[in-house]
C-alpha atoms as a PDB file:
ATOM      1  CA  MET A   1      -8.709  10.964  -2.536  1.00  0.00           C
ATOM      2  CA  ILE A   2      -5.793   8.959  -1.192  1.00  0.00           C
ATOM      3  CA  ARG A   3      -3.192   7.668  -3.493  1.00  0.00           C
ATOM      4  CA  ALA A   4       0.070   5.655  -3.426  1.00  0.00           C
ATOM      5  CA  VAL A   5       2.850   7.062  -5.637  1.00  0.00           C
ATOM      6  CA  TRP A   6       6.317   5.703  -6.518  1.00  0.00           C
ATOM      7  CA  ASN A   7       8.694   6.891  -9.176  1.00  0.00           C
ATOM      8  CA  GLY A   8       6.119   9.435 -10.362  1.00  0.00           C
ATOM      9  CA  VAL A   9       3.464   6.887 -10.970  1.00  0.00           C
ATOM     10  CA  VAL A  10       0.169   6.523  -9.153  1.00  0.00           C
ATOM     11  CA  LEU A  11       0.039   2.830  -8.084  1.00  0.00           C
ATOM     12  CA  ALA A  12      -3.275   2.959  -6.228  1.00  0.00           C
ATOM     13  CA  GLU A  13      -6.022   5.452  -5.692  1.00  0.00           C
ATOM     14  CA  ALA A  14      -9.163   5.296  -3.509  1.00  0.00           C
ATOM     15  CA  GLU A  15     -11.560   7.504  -1.684  1.00  0.00           C
ATOM     16  CA  HIS A  16     -11.203   5.394   1.391  1.00  0.00           C
ATOM     17  CA  THR A  17      -8.565   3.213   2.851  1.00  0.00           C
ATOM     18  CA  ARG A  18      -8.343   1.104   5.994  1.00  0.00           C
ATOM     19  CA  VAL A  19      -5.767   2.387   8.410  1.00  0.00           C
ATOM     20  CA  VAL A  20      -3.997  -0.097  10.758  1.00  0.00           C
ATOM     21  CA  GLU A  21      -0.899   0.817  12.766  1.00  0.00           C
ATOM     22  CA  GLY A  22      -0.613   3.999  10.700  1.00  0.00           C
ATOM     23  CA  ASN A  23      -0.632   2.220   7.289  1.00  0.00           C
ATOM     24  CA  HIS A  24      -3.171   2.897   4.635  1.00  0.00           C
ATOM     25  CA  TYR A  25      -4.479  -0.434   3.155  1.00  0.00           C
ATOM     26  CA  PHE A  26      -5.933   0.186  -0.315  1.00  0.00           C
ATOM     27  CA  PRO A  27      -8.786  -1.935  -1.601  1.00  0.00           C
ATOM     28  CA  PRO A  28      -7.763  -4.402  -4.179  1.00  0.00           C
ATOM     29  CA  GLU A  29      -9.919  -2.877  -6.839  1.00  0.00           C
ATOM     30  CA  SER A  30      -7.966   0.474  -6.462  1.00  0.00           C
ATOM     31  CA  LEU A  31      -4.657  -0.969  -7.600  1.00  0.00           C
ATOM     32  CA  ARG A  32      -3.109  -0.345 -10.984  1.00  0.00           C
ATOM     33  CA  ARG A  33      -2.115  -4.062 -11.346  1.00  0.00           C
ATOM     34  CA  GLU A  34       0.161  -3.551 -14.275  1.00  0.00           C
ATOM     35  CA  TYR A  35       2.881  -2.204 -11.762  1.00  0.00           C
ATOM     36  CA  PHE A  36       2.563  -5.142  -9.389  1.00  0.00           C
ATOM     37  CA  ALA A  37       4.452  -8.541  -9.524  1.00  0.00           C
ATOM     38  CA  GLU A  38       3.925 -11.257  -6.905  1.00  0.00           C
ATOM     39  CA  SER A  39       6.918 -11.868  -4.661  1.00  0.00           C
ATOM     40  CA  ARG A  40       7.838 -15.007  -2.793  1.00  0.00           C
ATOM     41  CA  THR A  41       8.484 -13.029   0.255  1.00  0.00           C
ATOM     42  CA  ARG A  42       6.336 -13.626   3.376  1.00  0.00           C
ATOM     43  CA  SER A  43       6.400 -12.135   6.913  1.00  0.00           C
ATOM     44  CA  LEU A  44       4.650 -12.935  10.085  1.00  0.00           C
ATOM     45  CA  CYS A  45       2.869 -10.438  12.240  1.00  0.00           C
ATOM     46  CA  PHE A  46       1.874 -12.002  15.603  1.00  0.00           C
ATOM     47  CA  TRP A  47      -1.608 -10.381  15.569  1.00  0.00           C
ATOM     48  CA  LYS A  48      -2.336  -9.861  11.869  1.00  0.00           C
ATOM     49  CA  GLY A  49      -1.084 -13.083  10.345  1.00  0.00           C
ATOM     50  CA  VAL A  50       1.092 -13.905   7.375  1.00  0.00           C
ATOM     51  CA  ALA A  51       1.710 -11.060   4.906  1.00  0.00           C
ATOM     52  CA  HIS A  52       2.377 -11.632   1.311  1.00  0.00           C
ATOM     53  CA  TYR A  53       4.352  -9.132  -0.784  1.00  0.00           C
ATOM     54  CA  TYR A  54       4.451  -7.479  -4.245  1.00  0.00           C
ATOM     55  CA  SER A  55       7.355  -6.020  -5.999  1.00  0.00           C
ATOM     56  CA  LEU A  56       6.686  -2.792  -7.863  1.00  0.00           C
ATOM     57  CA  GLN A  57       7.877  -2.347 -11.523  1.00  0.00           C
ATOM     58  CA  VAL A  58       7.804   1.190 -12.973  1.00  0.00           C
ATOM     59  CA  ASP A  59       9.582   2.480 -16.048  1.00  0.00           C
ATOM     60  CA  GLY A  60      12.274  -0.233 -15.893  1.00  0.00           C
ATOM     61  CA  LEU A  61      12.845   0.208 -12.102  1.00  0.00           C
ATOM     62  CA  THR A  62      12.060  -2.449  -9.513  1.00  0.00           C
ATOM     63  CA  ASN A  63      11.061  -1.727  -5.878  1.00  0.00           C
ATOM     64  CA  PRO A  64      11.279  -5.231  -4.290  1.00  0.00           C
ATOM     65  CA  ASP A  65       8.692  -6.168  -1.679  1.00  0.00           C
ATOM     66  CA  ALA A  66       7.397  -2.605  -1.425  1.00  0.00           C
ATOM     67  CA  ALA A  67       3.729  -3.585  -1.013  1.00  0.00           C
ATOM     68  CA  TRP A  68       2.124  -6.119   1.253  1.00  0.00           C
ATOM     69  CA  TYR A  69      -1.286  -7.607   1.938  1.00  0.00           C
ATOM     70  CA  TYR A  70      -2.922 -10.349   4.084  1.00  0.00           C
ATOM     71  CA  PRO A  71      -4.879 -12.921   2.172  1.00  0.00           C
ATOM     72  CA  LYS A  72      -5.977 -14.653   5.295  1.00  0.00           C
ATOM     73  CA  PRO A  73      -5.682 -12.071   8.157  1.00  0.00           C
ATOM     74  CA  SER A  74      -6.553 -12.891  11.716  1.00  0.00           C
ATOM     75  CA  PRO A  75     -10.236 -12.152  12.820  1.00  0.00           C
ATOM     76  CA  LEU A  76      -8.934  -9.005  14.584  1.00  0.00           C
ATOM     77  CA  VAL A  77      -8.195  -7.351  11.208  1.00  0.00           C
ATOM     78  CA  ARG A  78     -10.437  -9.192   8.705  1.00  0.00           C
ATOM     79  CA  LYS A  79     -11.367  -5.672   7.279  1.00  0.00           C
ATOM     80  CA  ILE A  80      -7.932  -5.517   5.582  1.00  0.00           C
ATOM     81  CA  LYS A  81      -8.310  -8.937   3.737  1.00  0.00           C
ATOM     82  CA  ASP A  82      -6.514  -8.566   0.422  1.00  0.00           C
ATOM     83  CA  HIS A  83      -6.060  -4.756   0.924  1.00  0.00           C
ATOM     84  CA  VAL A  84      -2.567  -3.485   0.035  1.00  0.00           C
ATOM     85  CA  ALA A  85      -0.236  -1.242   2.011  1.00  0.00           C
ATOM     86  CA  PHE A  86       3.082   0.294   0.927  1.00  0.00           C
ATOM     87  CA  TRP A  87       6.436   1.203   2.197  1.00  0.00           C
ATOM     88  CA  GLN A  88      10.143   1.489   0.838  1.00  0.00           C
ATOM     89  CA  GLY A  89       9.833   4.879  -0.791  1.00  0.00           C
ATOM     90  CA  VAL A  90       6.132   4.773  -1.792  1.00  0.00           C
ATOM     91  CA  VAL A  91       4.492   7.956  -0.777  1.00  0.00           C
ATOM     92  CA  ILE A  92       0.940   7.980   0.408  1.00  0.00           C
ATOM     93  CA  GLU A  93      -0.656  11.223  -0.587  1.00  0.00           C
ATOM     94  CA  ASP A  94      -3.962  12.582   0.759  1.00  0.00           C
ATOM     95  CA  VAL A  95      -5.272  14.765  -2.076  1.00  0.00           C
ATOM     96  CA  PRO A  96      -7.813  17.170  -0.904  1.00  0.00           C
ATOM     97  CA  GLU A  97     -10.842  18.479  -2.922  1.00  0.00           C
ATOM     98  CA  PRO A  98      -9.755  21.133  -5.439  1.00  0.00           C
ATOM     99  CA  ALA A  99      -9.619  24.614  -4.070  1.00  0.00           C
ATOM    100  CA  LYS A 100     -11.834  27.354  -5.471  1.00  0.00           C
ATOM    101  CA  ASP A 101      -8.891  28.317  -7.724  1.00  0.00           C
ATOM    102  CA  GLY A 102      -8.810  24.710  -9.113  1.00  0.00           C
ATOM    103  CA  THR A 103      -5.496  23.682  -7.362  1.00  0.00           C
ATOM    104  CA  ASN A 104      -4.782  21.161  -4.733  1.00  0.00           C
ATOM    105  CA  THR A 105      -1.733  20.122  -2.993  1.00  0.00           C
ATOM    106  CA  PRO A 106      -1.117  16.439  -1.946  1.00  0.00           C
ATOM    107  CA  THR A 107      -0.111  15.850   1.571  1.00  0.00           C
ATOM    108  CA  PRO A 108       2.575  13.052   1.671  1.00  0.00           C
ATOM    109  CA  ARG A 109       2.689  10.235   4.231  1.00  0.00           C
ATOM    110  CA  ARG A 110       5.167   7.302   4.466  1.00  0.00           C
ATOM    111  CA  GLY A 111       4.052   3.711   5.147  1.00  0.00           C
ATOM    112  CA  HIS A 112       5.912   1.173   7.304  1.00  0.00           C
ATOM    113  CA  PRO A 113       5.340  -2.521   7.695  1.00  0.00           C
ATOM    114  CA  GLY A 114       4.687  -2.513  11.387  1.00  0.00           C
ATOM    115  CA  HIS A 115       5.853  -5.464  13.419  1.00  0.00           C
ATOM    116  CA  HIS A 116       6.864  -7.816  10.694  1.00  0.00           C
ATOM    117  CA  ARG A 117       9.547 -10.571  10.361  1.00  0.00           C
ATOM    118  CA  ARG A 118      10.405 -10.937   6.714  1.00  0.00           C
ATOM    119  CA  ARG A 119      11.248 -14.278   5.174  1.00  0.00           C
ATOM    120  CA  LYS A 120      12.224 -14.874   1.543  1.00  0.00           C
END
């Protein structure tokens, strides 16, 4: 199971993500939407298209523009349409199947936005 965690809260959790440029893109149905707020920020990637952003809100704290997605990606990456990736302190954990003793240890990974030019 792969999950995105910030401020001690699981923001998204999925068995499979789509990986592009080292970023895990989570399927839209895997998001816990109560932590996401639409942002007006947009950025342009020359080969993926225009990214839209979400700010994260957890326990009274805000992480602005910490998640992004492509509502209309280029044909080269149509598989990530509406899938969400993270950065800015959001940890991507790869949680293995439980061990025989019932424990498991997440493996953290950090996301990055790739080749974006951000605009607000």
